[in-house]
Amino acid sequence: MNTLMDNLVGILTVLGIFVVVALPSLVGLAHERRVDRQLREADADRSRSDTGRPARPHGFVTTTVTVHS
């Protein structure tokens, strides 16, 4: 019986340490996702109010090439 309790305490200790280590990361990830969603919604609302239609996603990047002598 003593071995069973030792194993249970060891498993619970490892799980507790894992939760303590992983929890801040998971909370930060949830916060970042919420902020990203709020920024996307604000951008969509702003572009909808400017033109009266939904925003078109920007799938391209324009660049300018300048030749230096």
N, C-alpha and C. Protein backbone atom coordinates (compact mmCIF):
# COMPACT_ATOMS: atom_id res chain seq x y z
N MET A 1 0.82 -1.20 0.00
CA MET A 1 0.00 0.00 0.00
C MET A 1 0.86 1.26 0.00
N ASN A 2 2.00 1.19 0.68
CA ASN A 2 2.88 2.34 0.77
C ASN A 2 3.45 2.70 -0.61
N THR A 3 3.76 1.69 -1.42
CA THR A 3 4.30 1.93 -2.77
C THR A 3 3.26 2.61 -3.65
N LEU A 4 2.02 2.19 -3.51
CA LEU A 4 0.94 2.80 -4.29
C LEU A 4 0.79 4.28 -3.96
N MET A 5 0.83 4.61 -2.70
CA MET A 5 0.70 6.01 -2.29
C MET A 5 1.91 6.83 -2.73
N ASP A 6 3.10 6.25 -2.68
CA ASP A 6 4.29 6.95 -3.14
C ASP A 6 4.19 7.25 -4.64
N ASN A 7 3.72 6.27 -5.39
CA ASN A 7 3.56 6.49 -6.83
C ASN A 7 2.52 7.55 -7.12
N LEU A 8 1.41 7.52 -6.41
CA LEU A 8 0.35 8.51 -6.59
C LEU A 8 0.85 9.92 -6.26
N VAL A 9 1.56 10.04 -5.17
CA VAL A 9 2.11 11.35 -4.78
C VAL A 9 3.11 11.83 -5.82
N GLY A 10 3.94 10.94 -6.33
CA GLY A 10 4.90 11.32 -7.37
C GLY A 10 4.22 11.78 -8.64
N ILE A 11 3.19 11.05 -9.07
CA ILE A 11 2.45 11.44 -10.29
C ILE A 11 1.78 12.79 -10.09
N LEU A 12 1.13 12.98 -8.96
CA LEU A 12 0.46 14.26 -8.70
C LEU A 12 1.46 15.41 -8.60
N THR A 13 2.63 15.15 -8.07
CA THR A 13 3.67 16.18 -7.99
C THR A 13 4.13 16.59 -9.38
N VAL A 14 4.37 15.60 -10.25
CA VAL A 14 4.80 15.91 -11.61
C VAL A 14 3.71 16.68 -12.36
N LEU A 15 2.45 16.26 -12.22
CA LEU A 15 1.35 16.97 -12.86
C LEU A 15 1.22 18.40 -12.33
N GLY A 16 1.40 18.57 -11.03
CA GLY A 16 1.33 19.91 -10.45
C GLY A 16 2.42 20.82 -10.98
N ILE A 17 3.62 20.30 -11.09
CA ILE A 17 4.73 21.09 -11.63
C ILE A 17 4.46 21.45 -13.09
N PHE A 18 3.94 20.47 -13.85
CA PHE A 18 3.62 20.74 -15.26
C PHE A 18 2.59 21.85 -15.38
N VAL A 19 1.56 21.82 -14.54
CA VAL A 19 0.53 22.87 -14.58
C VAL A 19 1.13 24.22 -14.23
N VAL A 20 1.98 24.27 -13.22
CA VAL A 20 2.60 25.53 -12.80
C VAL A 20 3.47 26.10 -13.92
N VAL A 21 4.16 25.23 -14.66
CA VAL A 21 5.04 25.69 -15.73
C VAL A 21 4.24 26.09 -16.97
N ALA A 22 3.21 25.31 -17.32
CA ALA A 22 2.48 25.53 -18.57
C ALA A 22 1.38 26.59 -18.47
N LEU A 23 0.84 26.82 -17.31
CA LEU A 23 -0.31 27.72 -17.18
C LEU A 23 -0.03 29.15 -17.63
N PRO A 24 1.08 29.79 -17.26
CA PRO A 24 1.32 31.16 -17.74
C PRO A 24 1.39 31.25 -19.26
N SER A 25 1.97 30.25 -19.87
CA SER A 25 2.06 30.24 -21.33
C SER A 25 0.68 30.14 -21.96
N LEU A 26 -0.15 29.28 -21.43
CA LEU A 26 -1.50 29.11 -21.98
C LEU A 26 -2.35 30.36 -21.75
N VAL A 27 -2.20 31.00 -20.62
CA VAL A 27 -2.93 32.24 -20.35
C VAL A 27 -2.47 33.34 -21.31
N GLY A 28 -1.17 33.43 -21.55
CA GLY A 28 -0.65 34.43 -22.50
C GLY A 28 -1.13 34.16 -23.90
N LEU A 29 -1.19 32.91 -24.30
CA LEU A 29 -1.68 32.56 -25.63
C LEU A 29 -3.15 32.96 -25.78
N ALA A 30 -3.96 32.69 -24.79
CA ALA A 30 -5.36 33.08 -24.84
C ALA A 30 -5.50 34.60 -24.93
N HIS A 31 -4.67 35.33 -24.20
CA HIS A 31 -4.71 36.80 -24.25
C HIS A 31 -4.34 37.31 -25.63
N GLU A 32 -3.28 36.75 -26.22
CA GLU A 32 -2.86 37.17 -27.56
C GLU A 32 -3.93 36.90 -28.60
N ARG A 33 -4.58 35.74 -28.51
CA ARG A 33 -5.65 35.42 -29.46
C ARG A 33 -6.81 36.40 -29.32
N ARG A 34 -7.15 36.78 -28.08
CA ARG A 34 -8.24 37.73 -27.86
C ARG A 34 -7.89 39.10 -28.43
N VAL A 35 -6.66 39.55 -28.22
CA VAL A 35 -6.22 40.84 -28.75
C VAL A 35 -6.23 40.82 -30.29
N ASP A 36 -5.73 39.73 -30.88
CA ASP A 36 -5.74 39.62 -32.34
C ASP A 36 -7.16 39.67 -32.89
N ARG A 37 -8.09 38.98 -32.24
CA ARG A 37 -9.48 38.99 -32.70
C ARG A 37 -10.07 40.39 -32.59
N GLN A 38 -9.78 41.10 -31.50
CA GLN A 38 -10.30 42.45 -31.33
C GLN A 38 -9.72 43.39 -32.38
N LEU A 39 -8.44 43.24 -32.71
CA LEU A 39 -7.83 44.08 -33.74
C LEU A 39 -8.44 43.81 -35.11
N ARG A 40 -8.68 42.53 -35.44
CA ARG A 40 -9.31 42.19 -36.72
C ARG A 40 -10.72 42.78 -36.80
N GLU A 41 -11.48 42.67 -35.71
CA GLU A 41 -12.84 43.22 -35.71
C GLU A 41 -12.82 44.74 -35.85
N ALA A 42 -11.90 45.40 -35.17
CA ALA A 42 -11.81 46.86 -35.26
C ALA A 42 -11.40 47.28 -36.66
N ASP A 43 -10.48 46.56 -37.28
CA ASP A 43 -10.07 46.88 -38.64
C ASP A 43 -11.22 46.67 -39.62
N ALA A 44 -11.96 45.60 -39.44
CA ALA A 44 -13.10 45.34 -40.32
C ALA A 44 -14.18 46.40 -40.13
N ASP A 45 -14.45 46.81 -38.90
CA ASP A 45 -15.45 47.85 -38.64
C ASP A 45 -15.01 49.18 -39.24
N ARG A 46 -13.73 49.48 -39.12
CA ARG A 46 -13.22 50.75 -39.65
C ARG A 46 -13.31 50.78 -41.17
N SER A 47 -12.93 49.70 -41.82
CA SER A 47 -12.95 49.68 -43.28
C SER A 47 -14.39 49.63 -43.79
N ARG A 48 -15.29 48.99 -43.05
CA ARG A 48 -16.68 48.95 -43.45
C ARG A 48 -17.31 50.33 -43.33
N SER A 49 -16.93 51.08 -42.30
CA SER A 49 -17.50 52.41 -42.12
C SER A 49 -16.91 53.41 -43.13
N ASP A 50 -15.68 53.18 -43.60
CA ASP A 50 -15.07 54.08 -44.58
C ASP A 50 -15.71 53.94 -45.95
N THR A 51 -15.92 52.72 -46.42
CA THR A 51 -16.38 52.52 -47.78
C THR A 51 -17.81 52.02 -47.87
N GLY A 52 -18.37 51.53 -46.79
CA GLY A 52 -19.73 51.02 -46.82
C GLY A 52 -19.80 49.58 -47.26
N ARG A 53 -18.69 48.94 -47.52
CA ARG A 53 -18.68 47.52 -47.89
C ARG A 53 -17.55 46.82 -47.15
N PRO A 54 -17.62 45.50 -47.07
CA PRO A 54 -16.57 44.78 -46.32
C PRO A 54 -15.19 44.96 -46.94
N ALA A 55 -14.20 44.86 -46.11
CA ALA A 55 -12.82 45.05 -46.56
C ALA A 55 -12.37 43.86 -47.40
N ARG A 56 -11.56 44.13 -48.41
CA ARG A 56 -10.97 43.09 -49.23
C ARG A 56 -9.65 42.69 -48.58
N PRO A 57 -9.42 41.39 -48.41
CA PRO A 57 -8.15 40.99 -47.80
C PRO A 57 -6.98 41.33 -48.72
N HIS A 58 -5.91 41.78 -48.14
CA HIS A 58 -4.73 42.16 -48.91
C HIS A 58 -3.83 40.94 -49.03
N GLY A 59 -3.84 40.33 -50.19
CA GLY A 59 -3.03 39.15 -50.41
C GLY A 59 -1.79 39.43 -51.22
N PHE A 60 -1.40 40.69 -51.33
CA PHE A 60 -0.25 41.03 -52.15
C PHE A 60 0.56 42.11 -51.44
N VAL A 61 1.80 42.24 -51.87
CA VAL A 61 2.70 43.25 -51.32
C VAL A 61 3.31 43.98 -52.49
N THR A 62 3.28 45.29 -52.47
CA THR A 62 3.91 46.06 -53.54
C THR A 62 5.29 46.51 -53.08
N THR A 63 6.23 46.46 -53.98
CA THR A 63 7.59 46.88 -53.66
C THR A 63 8.10 47.79 -54.76
N THR A 64 9.07 48.57 -54.43
CA THR A 64 9.72 49.45 -55.42
C THR A 64 11.19 49.10 -55.43
N VAL A 65 11.71 48.87 -56.63
CA VAL A 65 13.11 48.55 -56.78
C VAL A 65 13.82 49.78 -57.30
N THR A 66 14.85 50.19 -56.60
CA THR A 66 15.61 51.38 -56.99
C THR A 66 17.05 50.94 -57.28
N VAL A 67 17.55 51.34 -58.46
CA VAL A 67 18.91 50.99 -58.83
C VAL A 67 19.83 52.11 -58.35
N HIS A 68 20.83 51.74 -57.59
CA HIS A 68 21.80 52.72 -57.11
C HIS A 68 23.08 52.55 -57.92
N SER A 69 23.68 53.69 -58.36
CA SER A 69 24.87 53.56 -59.19
C SER A 69 26.12 53.51 -58.40
